[in-house]
Amino acid sequence: MENNPYDILGVSQSASKVEISKAVTLAMKRKQYPVDVIAKAQKSLMKSEERIIADYFHPI
């Protein structure tokens, strides 16, 4: 993944699924990134396997 999903959604690596869902709504309102990029970031953080990969490629 070329973009950091945590930066796209504006959440920390310890964010819960509820916080991620709220961040998706806020990211859509900000319109800083295209909708498909926001959706891909949400998908990668909601699935535990993909979240581990995101954590590896984008450490704190």
N, C-alpha and C. Protein backbone atom coordinates (compact mmCIF):
# COMPACT_ATOMS: atom_id res chain seq x y z
N MET A 1 0.85 -1.18 0.00
CA MET A 1 0.00 0.00 0.00
C MET A 1 0.89 1.24 0.00
N GLU A 2 0.64 2.14 -0.91
CA GLU A 2 1.49 3.30 -1.05
C GLU A 2 1.17 4.40 -0.03
N ASN A 3 -0.09 4.49 0.40
CA ASN A 3 -0.47 5.51 1.37
C ASN A 3 -0.63 4.89 2.74
N ASN A 4 -0.31 5.66 3.76
CA ASN A 4 -0.46 5.21 5.12
C ASN A 4 -1.93 5.31 5.51
N PRO A 5 -2.61 4.19 5.79
CA PRO A 5 -4.04 4.25 6.12
C PRO A 5 -4.31 5.03 7.40
N TYR A 6 -3.36 5.04 8.31
CA TYR A 6 -3.54 5.80 9.55
C TYR A 6 -3.55 7.31 9.27
N ASP A 7 -2.70 7.76 8.36
CA ASP A 7 -2.68 9.17 7.98
C ASP A 7 -3.93 9.55 7.20
N ILE A 8 -4.36 8.68 6.31
CA ILE A 8 -5.54 8.96 5.50
C ILE A 8 -6.76 9.16 6.38
N LEU A 9 -6.93 8.29 7.39
CA LEU A 9 -8.10 8.38 8.26
C LEU A 9 -7.87 9.27 9.47
N GLY A 10 -6.63 9.61 9.75
CA GLY A 10 -6.33 10.47 10.89
C GLY A 10 -6.54 9.78 12.23
N VAL A 11 -6.17 8.51 12.30
CA VAL A 11 -6.30 7.76 13.55
C VAL A 11 -4.94 7.22 13.98
N SER A 12 -4.85 6.84 15.25
CA SER A 12 -3.61 6.25 15.75
C SER A 12 -3.63 4.74 15.52
N GLN A 13 -2.50 4.09 15.73
CA GLN A 13 -2.43 2.64 15.54
C GLN A 13 -3.22 1.89 16.60
N SER A 14 -3.59 2.54 17.66
CA SER A 14 -4.38 1.89 18.71
C SER A 14 -5.87 2.15 18.56
N ALA A 15 -6.29 2.70 17.44
CA ALA A 15 -7.70 3.03 17.23
C ALA A 15 -8.56 1.78 17.16
N SER A 16 -9.75 1.88 17.76
CA SER A 16 -10.69 0.76 17.71
C SER A 16 -11.47 0.80 16.40
N LYS A 17 -12.24 -0.25 16.15
CA LYS A 17 -13.05 -0.30 14.93
C LYS A 17 -14.11 0.81 14.92
N VAL A 18 -14.63 1.17 16.07
CA VAL A 18 -15.61 2.25 16.16
C VAL A 18 -14.94 3.59 15.79
N GLU A 19 -13.74 3.81 16.31
CA GLU A 19 -13.01 5.04 15.99
C GLU A 19 -12.67 5.11 14.51
N ILE A 20 -12.34 3.96 13.92
CA ILE A 20 -12.03 3.92 12.49
C ILE A 20 -13.27 4.26 11.68
N SER A 21 -14.42 3.73 12.07
CA SER A 21 -15.67 4.02 11.36
C SER A 21 -16.01 5.50 11.41
N LYS A 22 -15.83 6.11 12.58
CA LYS A 22 -16.08 7.55 12.71
C LYS A 22 -15.08 8.35 11.88
N ALA A 23 -13.83 7.90 11.84
CA ALA A 23 -12.80 8.59 11.08
C ALA A 23 -13.08 8.53 9.59
N VAL A 24 -13.68 7.44 9.12
CA VAL A 24 -14.05 7.32 7.70
C VAL A 24 -15.05 8.40 7.34
N THR A 25 -16.04 8.59 8.20
CA THR A 25 -17.05 9.62 7.96
C THR A 25 -16.42 11.00 7.90
N LEU A 26 -15.52 11.28 8.82
CA LEU A 26 -14.84 12.58 8.83
C LEU A 26 -13.94 12.76 7.61
N ALA A 27 -13.27 11.68 7.21
CA ALA A 27 -12.40 11.75 6.03
C ALA A 27 -13.21 12.02 4.77
N MET A 28 -14.39 11.44 4.70
CA MET A 28 -15.27 11.69 3.54
C MET A 28 -15.69 13.16 3.50
N LYS A 29 -15.97 13.73 4.67
CA LYS A 29 -16.38 15.14 4.74
C LYS A 29 -15.23 16.07 4.38
N ARG A 30 -14.00 15.71 4.79
CA ARG A 30 -12.83 16.55 4.50
C ARG A 30 -12.49 16.56 3.01
N LYS A 31 -12.77 15.46 2.33
CA LYS A 31 -12.50 15.32 0.89
C LYS A 31 -11.03 15.57 0.53
N GLN A 32 -10.15 15.20 1.43
CA GLN A 32 -8.71 15.36 1.17
C GLN A 32 -8.20 14.24 0.27
N TYR A 33 -8.84 13.07 0.37
CA TYR A 33 -8.46 11.90 -0.43
C TYR A 33 -9.68 11.42 -1.21
N PRO A 34 -9.45 10.76 -2.35
CA PRO A 34 -10.58 10.19 -3.11
C PRO A 34 -11.30 9.12 -2.28
N VAL A 35 -12.56 8.90 -2.59
CA VAL A 35 -13.38 7.95 -1.85
C VAL A 35 -12.79 6.54 -1.89
N ASP A 36 -12.25 6.14 -3.04
CA ASP A 36 -11.70 4.78 -3.12
C ASP A 36 -10.46 4.61 -2.24
N VAL A 37 -9.69 5.66 -2.07
CA VAL A 37 -8.50 5.61 -1.20
C VAL A 37 -8.95 5.49 0.26
N ILE A 38 -9.99 6.22 0.63
CA ILE A 38 -10.52 6.16 2.00
C ILE A 38 -11.09 4.77 2.27
N ALA A 39 -11.81 4.22 1.30
CA ALA A 39 -12.38 2.88 1.46
C ALA A 39 -11.29 1.82 1.60
N LYS A 40 -10.23 1.96 0.83
CA LYS A 40 -9.11 1.00 0.91
C LYS A 40 -8.43 1.10 2.27
N ALA A 41 -8.27 2.32 2.79
CA ALA A 41 -7.67 2.50 4.11
C ALA A 41 -8.55 1.87 5.19
N GLN A 42 -9.86 2.08 5.08
CA GLN A 42 -10.78 1.49 6.05
C GLN A 42 -10.71 -0.03 6.00
N LYS A 43 -10.71 -0.59 4.82
CA LYS A 43 -10.65 -2.04 4.66
C LYS A 43 -9.38 -2.61 5.27
N SER A 44 -8.27 -1.92 5.04
CA SER A 44 -7.00 -2.44 5.55
C SER A 44 -6.90 -2.36 7.07
N LEU A 45 -7.62 -1.43 7.69
CA LEU A 45 -7.56 -1.32 9.14
C LEU A 45 -8.65 -2.12 9.85
N MET A 46 -9.70 -2.50 9.14
CA MET A 46 -10.78 -3.27 9.76
C MET A 46 -10.46 -4.77 9.79
N LYS A 47 -9.68 -5.26 8.84
CA LYS A 47 -9.30 -6.67 8.84
C LYS A 47 -8.01 -6.83 9.62
N SER A 48 -8.01 -7.73 10.58
CA SER A 48 -6.84 -7.85 11.46
C SER A 48 -5.58 -8.26 10.70
N GLU A 49 -5.70 -9.12 9.68
CA GLU A 49 -4.51 -9.53 8.93
C GLU A 49 -3.91 -8.35 8.18
N GLU A 50 -4.77 -7.56 7.55
CA GLU A 50 -4.28 -6.41 6.78
C GLU A 50 -3.78 -5.30 7.70
N ARG A 51 -4.35 -5.22 8.89
CA ARG A 51 -3.89 -4.20 9.84
C ARG A 51 -2.47 -4.50 10.32
N ILE A 52 -2.17 -5.77 10.50
CA ILE A 52 -0.81 -6.16 10.90
C ILE A 52 0.18 -5.75 9.82
N ILE A 53 -0.20 -5.94 8.58
CA ILE A 53 0.66 -5.53 7.46
C ILE A 53 0.84 -4.02 7.45
N ALA A 54 -0.25 -3.27 7.67
CA ALA A 54 -0.17 -1.81 7.71
C ALA A 54 0.74 -1.35 8.85
N ASP A 55 0.63 -2.02 9.99
CA ASP A 55 1.49 -1.69 11.14
C ASP A 55 2.96 -1.94 10.82
N TYR A 56 3.23 -2.99 10.07
CA TYR A 56 4.60 -3.32 9.71
C TYR A 56 5.19 -2.29 8.76
N PHE A 57 4.43 -1.91 7.74
CA PHE A 57 4.94 -0.99 6.74
C PHE A 57 4.92 0.47 7.18
N HIS A 58 4.11 0.79 8.18
CA HIS A 58 4.00 2.17 8.66
C HIS A 58 4.12 2.19 10.17
N PRO A 59 5.33 1.96 10.70
CA PRO A 59 5.50 1.95 12.16
C PRO A 59 5.27 3.34 12.75
N ILE A 60 5.11 3.35 14.04
CA ILE A 60 4.84 4.61 14.77
C ILE A 60 5.97 5.59 14.57
